[in-house]
Amino acid sequence: MLRFEDSPKRPTNLSLNAKVLDMARELGMNLSQTVDALLAEEVRRRYWERWNQENKDAIAAYNERVEREGLPLAKYRTFMKRR
């Protein structure tokens, strides 16, 4: 899992829509915290999107194997057994 919580902060410059920025300030929003959280969410989304794309052949091969041979160690499962 991608974890960013323990990482130090680094100053940066951003150019933001003036009206949105004014409204955010009027609403008392913490801009750094908000942008940091939203950016982390988008980074996670894109990371996993790329990971899935890069591993799609392996995922497809594994899914085909499970379809053909069943789940590894399935006989030891204690839940969802078919009767």
N, C-alpha and C. Protein backbone atom coordinates (compact mmCIF):
# COMPACT_ATOMS: atom_id res chain seq x y z
N MET A 1 0.84 -1.19 0.00
CA MET A 1 0.00 0.00 0.00
C MET A 1 0.88 1.24 0.00
N LEU A 2 0.48 2.22 -0.70
CA LEU A 2 1.22 3.47 -0.73
C LEU A 2 0.88 4.30 0.49
N ARG A 3 1.90 4.62 1.28
CA ARG A 3 1.70 5.42 2.50
C ARG A 3 2.53 6.69 2.38
N PHE A 4 1.87 7.81 2.57
CA PHE A 4 2.54 9.10 2.48
C PHE A 4 2.52 9.86 3.80
N GLU A 5 1.82 9.32 4.80
CA GLU A 5 1.57 10.06 6.03
C GLU A 5 2.84 10.44 6.79
N ASP A 6 3.86 9.60 6.76
CA ASP A 6 5.06 9.83 7.55
C ASP A 6 6.12 10.65 6.83
N SER A 7 5.83 11.10 5.65
CA SER A 7 6.81 11.83 4.86
C SER A 7 6.85 13.30 5.27
N PRO A 8 8.04 13.90 5.26
CA PRO A 8 8.13 15.33 5.61
C PRO A 8 7.48 16.20 4.53
N LYS A 9 7.10 17.38 4.92
CA LYS A 9 6.50 18.35 3.99
C LYS A 9 7.61 19.10 3.27
N ARG A 10 7.30 19.55 2.05
CA ARG A 10 8.24 20.33 1.27
C ARG A 10 7.49 21.52 0.67
N PRO A 11 8.02 22.73 0.81
CA PRO A 11 7.34 23.89 0.23
C PRO A 11 7.34 23.83 -1.30
N THR A 12 6.26 24.33 -1.87
CA THR A 12 6.15 24.37 -3.33
C THR A 12 5.30 25.55 -3.74
N ASN A 13 5.38 25.94 -4.96
CA ASN A 13 4.55 27.03 -5.50
C ASN A 13 3.48 26.43 -6.39
N LEU A 14 2.26 26.91 -6.24
CA LEU A 14 1.14 26.46 -7.06
C LEU A 14 0.45 27.67 -7.65
N SER A 15 -0.08 27.49 -8.83
CA SER A 15 -0.95 28.51 -9.42
C SER A 15 -2.36 27.95 -9.40
N LEU A 16 -3.24 28.64 -8.68
CA LEU A 16 -4.60 28.16 -8.50
C LEU A 16 -5.59 29.18 -9.04
N ASN A 17 -6.75 28.71 -9.39
CA ASN A 17 -7.84 29.56 -9.84
C ASN A 17 -8.16 30.57 -8.74
N ALA A 18 -8.11 31.85 -9.07
CA ALA A 18 -8.27 32.90 -8.08
C ALA A 18 -9.62 32.84 -7.36
N LYS A 19 -10.68 32.59 -8.08
CA LYS A 19 -12.01 32.54 -7.46
C LYS A 19 -12.12 31.36 -6.50
N VAL A 20 -11.58 30.22 -6.91
CA VAL A 20 -11.60 29.04 -6.05
C VAL A 20 -10.77 29.29 -4.80
N LEU A 21 -9.60 29.89 -4.98
CA LEU A 21 -8.72 30.19 -3.86
C LEU A 21 -9.39 31.15 -2.87
N ASP A 22 -10.02 32.20 -3.39
CA ASP A 22 -10.72 33.16 -2.53
C ASP A 22 -11.84 32.49 -1.74
N MET A 23 -12.60 31.63 -2.40
CA MET A 23 -13.71 30.95 -1.74
C MET A 23 -13.17 29.98 -0.68
N ALA A 24 -12.10 29.28 -0.99
CA ALA A 24 -11.50 28.35 -0.03
C ALA A 24 -11.04 29.10 1.21
N ARG A 25 -10.41 30.23 1.01
CA ARG A 25 -9.96 31.04 2.15
C ARG A 25 -11.15 31.55 2.95
N GLU A 26 -12.19 31.99 2.24
CA GLU A 26 -13.41 32.48 2.90
C GLU A 26 -14.04 31.37 3.75
N LEU A 27 -13.93 30.15 3.28
CA LEU A 27 -14.50 29.01 4.01
C LEU A 27 -13.57 28.51 5.10
N GLY A 28 -12.41 29.11 5.23
CA GLY A 28 -11.47 28.74 6.27
C GLY A 28 -10.75 27.42 6.03
N MET A 29 -10.64 27.04 4.77
CA MET A 29 -10.01 25.77 4.45
C MET A 29 -8.49 25.86 4.61
N ASN A 30 -7.90 24.77 5.05
CA ASN A 30 -6.46 24.64 5.12
C ASN A 30 -6.00 24.17 3.74
N LEU A 31 -5.46 25.08 2.94
CA LEU A 31 -5.11 24.77 1.56
C LEU A 31 -4.05 23.68 1.45
N SER A 32 -3.02 23.78 2.26
CA SER A 32 -1.94 22.78 2.20
C SER A 32 -2.49 21.38 2.49
N GLN A 33 -3.27 21.28 3.54
CA GLN A 33 -3.83 19.98 3.93
C GLN A 33 -4.77 19.44 2.86
N THR A 34 -5.60 20.30 2.31
CA THR A 34 -6.57 19.88 1.30
C THR A 34 -5.88 19.43 0.02
N VAL A 35 -4.95 20.24 -0.47
CA VAL A 35 -4.24 19.89 -1.70
C VAL A 35 -3.41 18.62 -1.48
N ASP A 36 -2.75 18.51 -0.33
CA ASP A 36 -1.95 17.34 -0.03
C ASP A 36 -2.79 16.07 -0.05
N ALA A 37 -3.95 16.10 0.58
CA ALA A 37 -4.83 14.93 0.64
C ALA A 37 -5.36 14.56 -0.74
N LEU A 38 -5.80 15.56 -1.49
CA LEU A 38 -6.35 15.28 -2.83
C LEU A 38 -5.27 14.80 -3.79
N LEU A 39 -4.08 15.37 -3.69
CA LEU A 39 -2.97 14.95 -4.54
C LEU A 39 -2.55 13.52 -4.20
N ALA A 40 -2.49 13.19 -2.92
CA ALA A 40 -2.14 11.82 -2.51
C ALA A 40 -3.16 10.82 -3.05
N GLU A 41 -4.43 11.16 -2.99
CA GLU A 41 -5.49 10.30 -3.52
C GLU A 41 -5.32 10.08 -5.02
N GLU A 42 -5.03 11.13 -5.75
CA GLU A 42 -4.84 11.02 -7.20
C GLU A 42 -3.57 10.23 -7.53
N VAL A 43 -2.51 10.42 -6.77
CA VAL A 43 -1.28 9.66 -6.99
C VAL A 43 -1.55 8.17 -6.77
N ARG A 44 -2.27 7.82 -5.71
CA ARG A 44 -2.61 6.42 -5.47
C ARG A 44 -3.43 5.85 -6.63
N ARG A 45 -4.42 6.61 -7.07
CA ARG A 45 -5.29 6.13 -8.16
C ARG A 45 -4.47 5.87 -9.41
N ARG A 46 -3.61 6.82 -9.78
CA ARG A 46 -2.80 6.66 -11.00
C ARG A 46 -1.75 5.57 -10.85
N TYR A 47 -1.18 5.44 -9.65
CA TYR A 47 -0.20 4.38 -9.41
C TYR A 47 -0.82 3.02 -9.68
N TRP A 48 -1.99 2.79 -9.06
CA TRP A 48 -2.63 1.48 -9.23
C TRP A 48 -3.16 1.29 -10.64
N GLU A 49 -3.59 2.33 -11.29
CA GLU A 49 -4.01 2.24 -12.69
C GLU A 49 -2.83 1.78 -13.54
N ARG A 50 -1.66 2.39 -13.33
CA ARG A 50 -0.46 2.01 -14.07
C ARG A 50 -0.03 0.59 -13.71
N TRP A 51 -0.08 0.25 -12.41
CA TRP A 51 0.31 -1.09 -11.97
C TRP A 51 -0.56 -2.15 -12.64
N ASN A 52 -1.87 -1.92 -12.67
CA ASN A 52 -2.78 -2.86 -13.32
C ASN A 52 -2.48 -3.00 -14.81
N GLN A 53 -2.19 -1.88 -15.46
CA GLN A 53 -1.86 -1.91 -16.88
C GLN A 53 -0.57 -2.69 -17.13
N GLU A 54 0.44 -2.43 -16.31
CA GLU A 54 1.74 -3.09 -16.48
C GLU A 54 1.67 -4.59 -16.16
N ASN A 55 0.73 -4.99 -15.33
CA ASN A 55 0.62 -6.38 -14.90
C ASN A 55 -0.58 -7.11 -15.47
N LYS A 56 -1.23 -6.52 -16.46
CA LYS A 56 -2.46 -7.11 -16.97
C LYS A 56 -2.25 -8.50 -17.56
N ASP A 57 -1.11 -8.75 -18.20
CA ASP A 57 -0.86 -10.08 -18.77
C ASP A 57 -0.71 -11.13 -17.66
N ALA A 58 0.02 -10.79 -16.61
CA ALA A 58 0.20 -11.73 -15.49
C ALA A 58 -1.13 -11.97 -14.78
N ILE A 59 -1.93 -10.93 -14.61
CA ILE A 59 -3.23 -11.07 -13.96
C ILE A 59 -4.14 -11.97 -14.80
N ALA A 60 -4.15 -11.75 -16.11
CA ALA A 60 -4.97 -12.57 -17.00
C ALA A 60 -4.52 -14.02 -16.97
N ALA A 61 -3.21 -14.26 -16.97
CA ALA A 61 -2.68 -15.63 -16.93
C ALA A 61 -3.08 -16.31 -15.62
N TYR A 62 -2.98 -15.59 -14.51
CA TYR A 62 -3.36 -16.15 -13.22
C TYR A 62 -4.85 -16.48 -13.20
N ASN A 63 -5.67 -15.55 -13.69
CA ASN A 63 -7.12 -15.78 -13.71
C ASN A 63 -7.47 -16.98 -14.58
N GLU A 64 -6.79 -17.14 -15.70
CA GLU A 64 -7.02 -18.31 -16.57
C GLU A 64 -6.63 -19.60 -15.85
N ARG A 65 -5.51 -19.56 -15.12
CA ARG A 65 -5.06 -20.74 -14.38
C ARG A 65 -6.07 -21.12 -13.29
N VAL A 66 -6.56 -20.13 -12.57
CA VAL A 66 -7.56 -20.40 -11.52
C VAL A 66 -8.83 -20.95 -12.14
N GLU A 67 -9.22 -20.41 -13.27
CA GLU A 67 -10.42 -20.90 -13.96
C GLU A 67 -10.23 -22.36 -14.38
N ARG A 68 -9.04 -22.66 -14.83
CA ARG A 68 -8.73 -24.01 -15.33
C ARG A 68 -8.49 -25.01 -14.18
N GLU A 69 -7.72 -24.59 -13.16
CA GLU A 69 -7.27 -25.51 -12.12
C GLU A 69 -7.93 -25.29 -10.76
N GLY A 70 -8.63 -24.20 -10.60
CA GLY A 70 -9.21 -23.87 -9.30
C GLY A 70 -8.21 -23.10 -8.45
N LEU A 71 -8.66 -22.67 -7.28
CA LEU A 71 -7.79 -21.90 -6.39
C LEU A 71 -6.76 -22.80 -5.72
N PRO A 72 -5.53 -22.32 -5.60
CA PRO A 72 -4.53 -23.09 -4.87
C PRO A 72 -5.00 -23.27 -3.41
N LEU A 73 -4.80 -24.45 -2.88
CA LEU A 73 -5.15 -24.77 -1.49
C LEU A 73 -6.64 -24.67 -1.19
N ALA A 74 -7.47 -24.70 -2.21
CA ALA A 74 -8.92 -24.56 -2.01
C ALA A 74 -9.48 -25.65 -1.11
N LYS A 75 -8.87 -26.81 -1.12
CA LYS A 75 -9.39 -27.91 -0.30
C LYS A 75 -9.26 -27.63 1.19
N TYR A 76 -8.43 -26.66 1.57
CA TYR A 76 -8.24 -26.32 2.97
C TYR A 76 -9.14 -25.17 3.44
N ARG A 77 -9.93 -24.62 2.55
CA ARG A 77 -10.80 -23.51 2.92
C ARG A 77 -11.87 -23.98 3.89
N THR A 78 -12.18 -23.15 4.87
CA THR A 78 -13.22 -23.50 5.84
C THR A 78 -14.47 -22.65 5.65
N PHE A 79 -14.49 -21.83 4.62
CA PHE A 79 -15.65 -20.97 4.36
C PHE A 79 -16.05 -21.13 2.90
N MET A 80 -17.27 -20.81 2.62
CA MET A 80 -17.83 -20.83 1.27
C MET A 80 -17.62 -22.18 0.55
N LYS A 81 -17.73 -23.27 1.30
CA LYS A 81 -17.60 -24.58 0.68
C LYS A 81 -18.88 -24.91 -0.05
N ARG A 82 -18.73 -25.50 -1.21
CA ARG A 82 -19.90 -25.96 -1.98
C ARG A 82 -20.34 -27.30 -1.45
N ARG A 83 -21.64 -27.46 -1.37
CA ARG A 83 -22.19 -28.74 -0.87
C ARG A 83 -22.92 -29.46 -1.94
